[in-house]
C-alpha atoms as a PDB file:
ATOM      1  CA  UNK A   1     -15.627   2.280  15.174  1.00  0.00           C
ATOM      2  CA  UNK A   2     -16.701   4.751  12.510  1.00  0.00           C
ATOM      3  CA  UNK A   3     -16.285   2.843   9.247  1.00  0.00           C
ATOM      4  CA  UNK A   4     -16.948   5.983   7.207  1.00  0.00           C
ATOM      5  CA  UNK A   5     -14.089   7.902   8.869  1.00  0.00           C
ATOM      6  CA  UNK A   6     -11.584   9.614   6.573  1.00  0.00           C
ATOM      7  CA  UNK A   7      -8.243   7.840   6.145  1.00  0.00           C
ATOM      8  CA  UNK A   8      -5.174   9.853   5.172  1.00  0.00           C
ATOM      9  CA  UNK A   9      -2.682   7.050   4.850  1.00  0.00           C
ATOM     10  CA  UNK A  10      -0.674   7.863   1.743  1.00  0.00           C
ATOM     11  CA  UNK A  11       1.774  10.534   0.674  1.00  0.00           C
ATOM     12  CA  UNK A  12      -0.196  11.460  -2.439  1.00  0.00           C
ATOM     13  CA  UNK A  13      -3.424  12.310  -0.577  1.00  0.00           C
ATOM     14  CA  UNK A  14      -3.599  15.895   0.679  1.00  0.00           C
ATOM     15  CA  UNK A  15      -7.328  16.233   1.408  1.00  0.00           C
ATOM     16  CA  UNK A  16     -10.630  14.307   1.249  1.00  0.00           C
ATOM     17  CA  UNK A  17     -12.176  13.854  -2.177  1.00  0.00           C
ATOM     18  CA  UNK A  18     -12.672  11.243  -4.876  1.00  0.00           C
ATOM     19  CA  UNK A  19      -9.644  12.365  -6.898  1.00  0.00           C
ATOM     20  CA  UNK A  20      -7.260  12.885  -3.997  1.00  0.00           C
ATOM     21  CA  UNK A  21      -4.911  10.102  -5.113  1.00  0.00           C
ATOM     22  CA  UNK A  22      -4.870  10.199  -8.933  1.00  0.00           C
ATOM     23  CA  UNK A  23      -1.677   8.167  -9.377  1.00  0.00           C
ATOM     24  CA  UNK A  24      -2.779   5.512  -6.888  1.00  0.00           C
ATOM     25  CA  UNK A  25      -6.196   5.362  -8.569  1.00  0.00           C
ATOM     26  CA  UNK A  26      -4.902   5.048 -12.119  1.00  0.00           C
ATOM     27  CA  UNK A  27      -2.272   2.417 -11.297  1.00  0.00           C
ATOM     28  CA  UNK A  28      -5.011   0.191  -9.905  1.00  0.00           C
ATOM     29  CA  UNK A  29      -5.815  -0.512 -13.545  1.00  0.00           C
ATOM     30  CA  UNK A  30      -2.784  -2.826 -13.484  1.00  0.00           C
ATOM     31  CA  UNK A  31      -4.873  -5.246 -11.400  1.00  0.00           C
ATOM     32  CA  UNK A  32      -7.632  -5.133 -13.996  1.00  0.00           C
ATOM     33  CA  UNK A  33      -5.133  -5.873 -16.759  1.00  0.00           C
ATOM     34  CA  UNK A  34      -3.764  -8.765 -14.689  1.00  0.00           C
ATOM     35  CA  UNK A  35      -7.273 -10.111 -14.109  1.00  0.00           C
ATOM     36  CA  UNK A  36      -8.036  -9.999 -17.845  1.00  0.00           C
ATOM     37  CA  UNK A  37      -4.757 -11.743 -18.696  1.00  0.00           C
ATOM     38  CA  UNK A  38      -5.396 -14.442 -16.091  1.00  0.00           C
ATOM     39  CA  UNK A  39      -8.925 -14.974 -17.438  1.00  0.00           C
ATOM     40  CA  UNK A  40      -7.501 -15.388 -20.953  1.00  0.00           C
ATOM     41  CA  UNK A  41      -4.777 -17.796 -19.813  1.00  0.00           C
ATOM     42  CA  UNK A  42      -7.257 -19.843 -17.795  1.00  0.00           C
ATOM     43  CA  UNK A  43     -10.203 -19.735 -20.148  1.00  0.00           C
ATOM     44  CA  UNK A  44     -12.279 -22.866 -19.823  1.00  0.00           C
ATOM     45  CA  UNK A  45     -10.735 -23.685 -16.419  1.00  0.00           C
ATOM     46  CA  UNK A  46     -12.502 -23.207 -13.100  1.00  0.00           C
ATOM     47  CA  UNK A  47      -9.232 -22.342 -11.364  1.00  0.00           C
ATOM     48  CA  UNK A  48      -8.370 -19.736 -13.973  1.00  0.00           C
ATOM     49  CA  UNK A  49     -11.790 -18.102 -13.774  1.00  0.00           C
ATOM     50  CA  UNK A  50     -11.681 -18.042  -9.978  1.00  0.00           C
ATOM     51  CA  UNK A  51      -8.211 -16.491  -9.859  1.00  0.00           C
ATOM     52  CA  UNK A  52      -9.221 -13.877 -12.432  1.00  0.00           C
ATOM     53  CA  UNK A  53     -12.350 -12.930 -10.485  1.00  0.00           C
ATOM     54  CA  UNK A  54     -10.409 -12.653  -7.231  1.00  0.00           C
ATOM     55  CA  UNK A  55      -7.809 -10.372  -8.821  1.00  0.00           C
ATOM     56  CA  UNK A  56     -10.665  -8.367 -10.332  1.00  0.00           C
ATOM     57  CA  UNK A  57     -12.097  -7.910  -6.833  1.00  0.00           C
ATOM     58  CA  UNK A  58      -8.701  -6.701  -5.622  1.00  0.00           C
ATOM     59  CA  UNK A  59      -8.827  -4.094  -8.410  1.00  0.00           C
ATOM     60  CA  UNK A  60     -12.337  -3.034  -7.425  1.00  0.00           C
ATOM     61  CA  UNK A  61     -11.662  -2.819  -3.678  1.00  0.00           C
ATOM     62  CA  UNK A  62      -8.332  -1.012  -4.045  1.00  0.00           C
ATOM     63  CA  UNK A  63      -9.846   1.490  -6.468  1.00  0.00           C
ATOM     64  CA  UNK A  64     -12.758   2.195  -4.141  1.00  0.00           C
ATOM     65  CA  UNK A  65     -10.401   2.627  -1.194  1.00  0.00           C
ATOM     66  CA  UNK A  66      -8.127   5.103  -2.934  1.00  0.00           C
ATOM     67  CA  UNK A  67     -11.144   7.014  -4.243  1.00  0.00           C
ATOM     68  CA  UNK A  68     -13.087   7.206  -0.988  1.00  0.00           C
ATOM     69  CA  UNK A  69     -10.222   7.116   1.567  1.00  0.00           C
ATOM     70  CA  UNK A  70     -12.480   5.561   4.211  1.00  0.00           C
ATOM     71  CA  UNK A  71     -11.997   2.825   6.800  1.00  0.00           C
ATOM     72  CA  UNK A  72     -14.529   0.553   5.137  1.00  0.00           C
ATOM     73  CA  UNK A  73     -12.709   0.972   1.826  1.00  0.00           C
ATOM     74  CA  UNK A  74      -9.411   0.079   3.480  1.00  0.00           C
ATOM     75  CA  UNK A  75     -10.973  -2.996   5.089  1.00  0.00           C
ATOM     76  CA  UNK A  76     -12.323  -4.116   1.713  1.00  0.00           C
ATOM     77  CA  UNK A  77      -8.926  -3.534   0.090  1.00  0.00           C
ATOM     78  CA  UNK A  78      -7.037  -5.684   2.607  1.00  0.00           C
ATOM     79  CA  UNK A  79      -9.911  -8.159   2.824  1.00  0.00           C
ATOM     80  CA  UNK A  80      -9.955  -9.085  -0.863  1.00  0.00           C
ATOM     81  CA  UNK A  81      -6.186  -9.501  -0.920  1.00  0.00           C
ATOM     82  CA  UNK A  82      -6.625 -11.904   2.005  1.00  0.00           C
ATOM     83  CA  UNK A  83      -9.382 -13.765   0.143  1.00  0.00           C
ATOM     84  CA  UNK A  84      -7.027 -14.298  -2.805  1.00  0.00           C
ATOM     85  CA  UNK A  85      -4.303 -15.618  -0.486  1.00  0.00           C
ATOM     86  CA  UNK A  86      -6.714 -17.903   1.398  1.00  0.00           C
ATOM     87  CA  UNK A  87      -7.833 -19.389  -1.915  1.00  0.00           C
ATOM     88  CA  UNK A  88      -4.319 -19.741  -3.308  1.00  0.00           C
ATOM     89  CA  UNK A  89      -2.737 -21.238  -0.172  1.00  0.00           C
ATOM     90  CA  UNK A  90      -4.769 -24.480  -0.201  1.00  0.00           C
ATOM     91  CA  UNK A  91      -4.789 -24.697  -3.988  1.00  0.00           C
ATOM     92  CA  UNK A  92      -0.976 -24.711  -4.054  1.00  0.00           C
ATOM     93  CA  UNK A  93      -0.487 -28.168  -2.451  1.00  0.00           C
ATOM     94  CA  UNK A  94      -3.409 -29.539  -4.440  1.00  0.00           C
ATOM     95  CA  UNK A  95      -2.168 -28.374  -7.847  1.00  0.00           C
ATOM     96  CA  UNK A  96       1.602 -28.525  -7.412  1.00  0.00           C
ATOM     97  CA  UNK A  97       1.993 -31.384  -4.935  1.00  0.00           C
ATOM     98  CA  UNK A  98      -1.073 -33.483  -5.864  1.00  0.00           C
ATOM     99  CA  UNK A  99      -2.418 -33.362  -2.300  1.00  0.00           C
ATOM    100  CA  UNK A 100      -6.142 -34.076  -1.980  1.00  0.00           C
ATOM    101  CA  UNK A 101      -8.369 -31.034  -1.525  1.00  0.00           C
ATOM    102  CA  UNK A 102      -9.609 -32.473   1.768  1.00  0.00           C
ATOM    103  CA  UNK A 103      -6.106 -32.080   3.190  1.00  0.00           C
ATOM    104  CA  UNK A 104      -5.043 -29.082   1.136  1.00  0.00           C
ATOM    105  CA  UNK A 105      -7.638 -26.810   2.716  1.00  0.00           C
ATOM    106  CA  UNK A 106      -5.740 -27.073   5.998  1.00  0.00           C
ATOM    107  CA  UNK A 107      -3.316 -24.582   4.465  1.00  0.00           C
ATOM    108  CA  UNK A 108      -5.932 -21.817   4.807  1.00  0.00           C
ATOM    109  CA  UNK A 109      -6.270 -21.883   8.619  1.00  0.00           C
ATOM    110  CA  UNK A 110      -2.516 -22.483   8.865  1.00  0.00           C
ATOM    111  CA  UNK A 111      -1.920 -19.241   6.960  1.00  0.00           C
ATOM    112  CA  UNK A 112      -4.375 -17.376   9.199  1.00  0.00           C
ATOM    113  CA  UNK A 113      -2.489 -18.587  12.282  1.00  0.00           C
ATOM    114  CA  UNK A 114       0.820 -17.507  10.717  1.00  0.00           C
ATOM    115  CA  UNK A 115      -0.606 -14.082   9.880  1.00  0.00           C
ATOM    116  CA  UNK A 116      -1.970 -13.514  13.392  1.00  0.00           C
ATOM    117  CA  UNK A 117       1.280 -14.676  14.974  1.00  0.00           C
ATOM    118  CA  UNK A 118       3.472 -12.481  12.772  1.00  0.00           C
ATOM    119  CA  UNK A 119       1.161  -9.490  13.200  1.00  0.00           C
ATOM    120  CA  UNK A 120       1.396  -9.892  16.978  1.00  0.00           C
ATOM    121  CA  UNK A 121       5.178  -9.570  16.698  1.00  0.00           C
ATOM    122  CA  UNK A 122       5.012  -6.539  14.434  1.00  0.00           C
ATOM    123  CA  UNK A 123       5.301  -8.393  11.148  1.00  0.00           C
ATOM    124  CA  UNK A 124       2.275  -6.710   9.600  1.00  0.00           C
ATOM    125  CA  UNK A 125      -0.398  -8.283   7.427  1.00  0.00           C
ATOM    126  CA  UNK A 126       1.661  -8.732   4.261  1.00  0.00           C
ATOM    127  CA  UNK A 127       4.913 -10.234   5.503  1.00  0.00           C
ATOM    128  CA  UNK A 128       3.287 -13.704   5.878  1.00  0.00           C
ATOM    129  CA  UNK A 129       2.513 -13.650   2.145  1.00  0.00           C
ATOM    130  CA  UNK A 130       6.196 -13.042   1.431  1.00  0.00           C
ATOM    131  CA  UNK A 131       7.106 -15.947   3.712  1.00  0.00           C
ATOM    132  CA  UNK A 132       4.554 -18.080   1.879  1.00  0.00           C
ATOM    133  CA  UNK A 133       6.090 -17.300  -1.510  1.00  0.00           C
ATOM    134  CA  UNK A 134       9.524 -18.234  -0.176  1.00  0.00           C
ATOM    135  CA  UNK A 135       8.163 -21.505   1.189  1.00  0.00           C
ATOM    136  CA  UNK A 136       6.435 -22.301  -2.103  1.00  0.00           C
ATOM    137  CA  UNK A 137       9.648 -21.648  -4.035  1.00  0.00           C
ATOM    138  CA  UNK A 138      11.686 -23.753  -1.591  1.00  0.00           C
ATOM    139  CA  UNK A 139       9.275 -26.686  -1.633  1.00  0.00           C
ATOM    140  CA  UNK A 140       9.170 -26.785  -5.426  1.00  0.00           C
ATOM    141  CA  UNK A 141      12.943 -26.367  -5.728  1.00  0.00           C
ATOM    142  CA  UNK A 142      13.406 -29.333  -3.372  1.00  0.00           C
ATOM    143  CA  UNK A 143      10.954 -31.340  -5.488  1.00  0.00           C
ATOM    144  CA  UNK A 144      12.886 -30.337  -8.638  1.00  0.00           C
ATOM    145  CA  UNK A 145       9.782 -28.715 -10.046  1.00  0.00           C
ATOM    146  CA  UNK A 146      10.783 -26.012 -12.563  1.00  0.00           C
ATOM    147  CA  UNK A 147       7.886 -23.856 -11.437  1.00  0.00           C
ATOM    148  CA  UNK A 148       9.905 -22.880  -8.370  1.00  0.00           C
ATOM    149  CA  UNK A 149      11.414 -20.051 -10.397  1.00  0.00           C
ATOM    150  CA  UNK A 150       7.974 -18.469 -10.802  1.00  0.00           C
ATOM    151  CA  UNK A 151       7.606 -18.188  -7.038  1.00  0.00           C
ATOM    152  CA  UNK A 152      11.178 -17.007  -6.581  1.00  0.00           C
ATOM    153  CA  UNK A 153      10.539 -14.176  -9.043  1.00  0.00           C
ATOM    154  CA  UNK A 154       7.163 -13.405  -7.459  1.00  0.00           C
ATOM    155  CA  UNK A 155       8.788 -13.327  -4.024  1.00  0.00           C
ATOM    156  CA  UNK A 156      11.511 -10.939  -5.156  1.00  0.00           C
ATOM    157  CA  UNK A 157       8.959  -8.621  -6.765  1.00  0.00           C
ATOM    158  CA  UNK A 158       6.726  -8.753  -3.699  1.00  0.00           C
ATOM    159  CA  UNK A 159       9.650  -7.925  -1.409  1.00  0.00           C
ATOM    160  CA  UNK A 160      10.390  -4.905  -3.604  1.00  0.00           C
ATOM    161  CA  UNK A 161       6.738  -3.842  -3.579  1.00  0.00           C
ATOM    162  CA  UNK A 162       6.639  -4.118   0.222  1.00  0.00           C
ATOM    163  CA  UNK A 163       9.685  -1.863   0.382  1.00  0.00           C
ATOM    164  CA  UNK A 164       7.986   0.768  -1.790  1.00  0.00           C
ATOM    165  CA  UNK A 165       4.827   0.510   0.327  1.00  0.00           C
ATOM    166  CA  UNK A 166       6.846   0.997   3.503  1.00  0.00           C
ATOM    167  CA  UNK A 167       8.746   4.099   2.383  1.00  0.00           C
ATOM    168  CA  UNK A 168       5.735   5.899   0.901  1.00  0.00           C
ATOM    169  CA  UNK A 169       5.401   8.304   3.822  1.00  0.00           C
ATOM    170  CA  UNK A 170       9.147   8.763   4.204  1.00  0.00           C
ATOM    171  CA  UNK A 171       9.780  10.168   0.727  1.00  0.00           C
ATOM    172  CA  UNK A 172       6.956  12.737   0.714  1.00  0.00           C
ATOM    173  CA  UNK A 173       9.339  15.662   1.029  1.00  0.00           C
ATOM    174  CA  UNK A 174      11.323  14.691  -2.042  1.00  0.00           C
ATOM    175  CA  UNK A 175       8.635  12.860  -4.024  1.00  0.00           C
ATOM    176  CA  UNK A 176       5.142  14.271  -3.311  1.00  0.00           C
ATOM    177  CA  UNK A 177       3.364  11.487  -5.209  1.00  0.00           C
ATOM    178  CA  UNK A 178       4.914   8.887  -2.931  1.00  0.00           C
ATOM    179  CA  UNK A 179       5.742   5.320  -3.886  1.00  0.00           C
ATOM    180  CA  UNK A 180       2.515   3.491  -3.097  1.00  0.00           C
ATOM    181  CA  UNK A 181       1.600   3.399  -6.780  1.00  0.00           C
ATOM    182  CA  UNK A 182       4.605   1.106  -7.329  1.00  0.00           C
ATOM    183  CA  UNK A 183       3.047  -1.298  -4.824  1.00  0.00           C
ATOM    184  CA  UNK A 184       0.060  -1.525  -7.165  1.00  0.00           C
ATOM    185  CA  UNK A 185       2.101  -2.056 -10.311  1.00  0.00           C
ATOM    186  CA  UNK A 186       4.410  -4.682  -8.811  1.00  0.00           C
ATOM    187  CA  UNK A 187       1.644  -6.538  -6.994  1.00  0.00           C
ATOM    188  CA  UNK A 188      -0.385  -6.796 -10.191  1.00  0.00           C
ATOM    189  CA  UNK A 189       2.619  -8.537 -11.759  1.00  0.00           C
ATOM    190  CA  UNK A 190       2.998 -10.786  -8.695  1.00  0.00           C
ATOM    191  CA  UNK A 191      -0.646 -11.860  -8.852  1.00  0.00           C
ATOM    192  CA  UNK A 192      -0.329 -12.599 -12.554  1.00  0.00           C
ATOM    193  CA  UNK A 193       2.888 -14.595 -12.121  1.00  0.00           C
ATOM    194  CA  UNK A 194       1.548 -16.860  -9.367  1.00  0.00           C
ATOM    195  CA  UNK A 195      -1.814 -17.262 -11.115  1.00  0.00           C
ATOM    196  CA  UNK A 196      -0.174 -18.085 -14.429  1.00  0.00           C
ATOM    197  CA  UNK A 197       2.068 -20.636 -12.697  1.00  0.00           C
ATOM    198  CA  UNK A 198      -0.955 -22.407 -11.212  1.00  0.00           C
ATOM    199  CA  UNK A 199      -2.884 -22.356 -14.474  1.00  0.00           C
ATOM    200  CA  UNK A 200       0.118 -23.663 -16.416  1.00  0.00           C
ATOM    201  CA  UNK A 201       0.746 -26.417 -13.880  1.00  0.00           C
ATOM    202  CA  UNK A 202      -2.891 -27.500 -13.964  1.00  0.00           C
ATOM    203  CA  UNK A 203      -2.799 -27.597 -17.768  1.00  0.00           C
ATOM    204  CA  UNK A 204       0.371 -29.682 -17.823  1.00  0.00           C
ATOM    205  CA  UNK A 205      -0.101 -33.447 -18.180  1.00  0.00           C
ATOM    206  CA  UNK A 206       0.229 -35.452 -14.987  1.00  0.00           C
ATOM    207  CA  UNK A 207       3.581 -37.285 -14.633  1.00  0.00           C
ATOM    208  CA  UNK A 208       3.510 -40.912 -15.599  1.00  0.00           C
END
């Protein structure tokens, strides 16, 4: 596979070049803003710093991808989103359900299995994340944890962002800039919401 091959995957891009997707490039700054806000909210906390760095890497990889429009850039873009999810998935039961880290890390391979299974049936790489948000919201709602609303909101926003990502190529005729930039803006909010929920939960005093 030629990792340097040109990728024309979005409505906004018309030709190779660093500034072929100006709207997609500029809206990546939303991830940087989210990373800075997460760093501020989690200052002095290892979890907060880690989440902020991971969101910062999403910003960097997505920006590089939309600037270069290459296969390696696309792999980095999807890869760093996956890294964030694989960190968050095991941290969720540890922080919100007080499960030991030794057991919590089982959530990472479980998510990988879910992703592979759903991808095999045409579910794509991002649908498992939406399922995960729904599960998180459901588990916390059952446990009467008020933080369930954070994941319900994040899930709704992520579903909307997935819709905008999916129709990007369909609306080219009527909207030449496409809708992928809305995926960036909404996902930056999603990453902030779930990160802020984890930071806030970790800061909260333990029950009893």
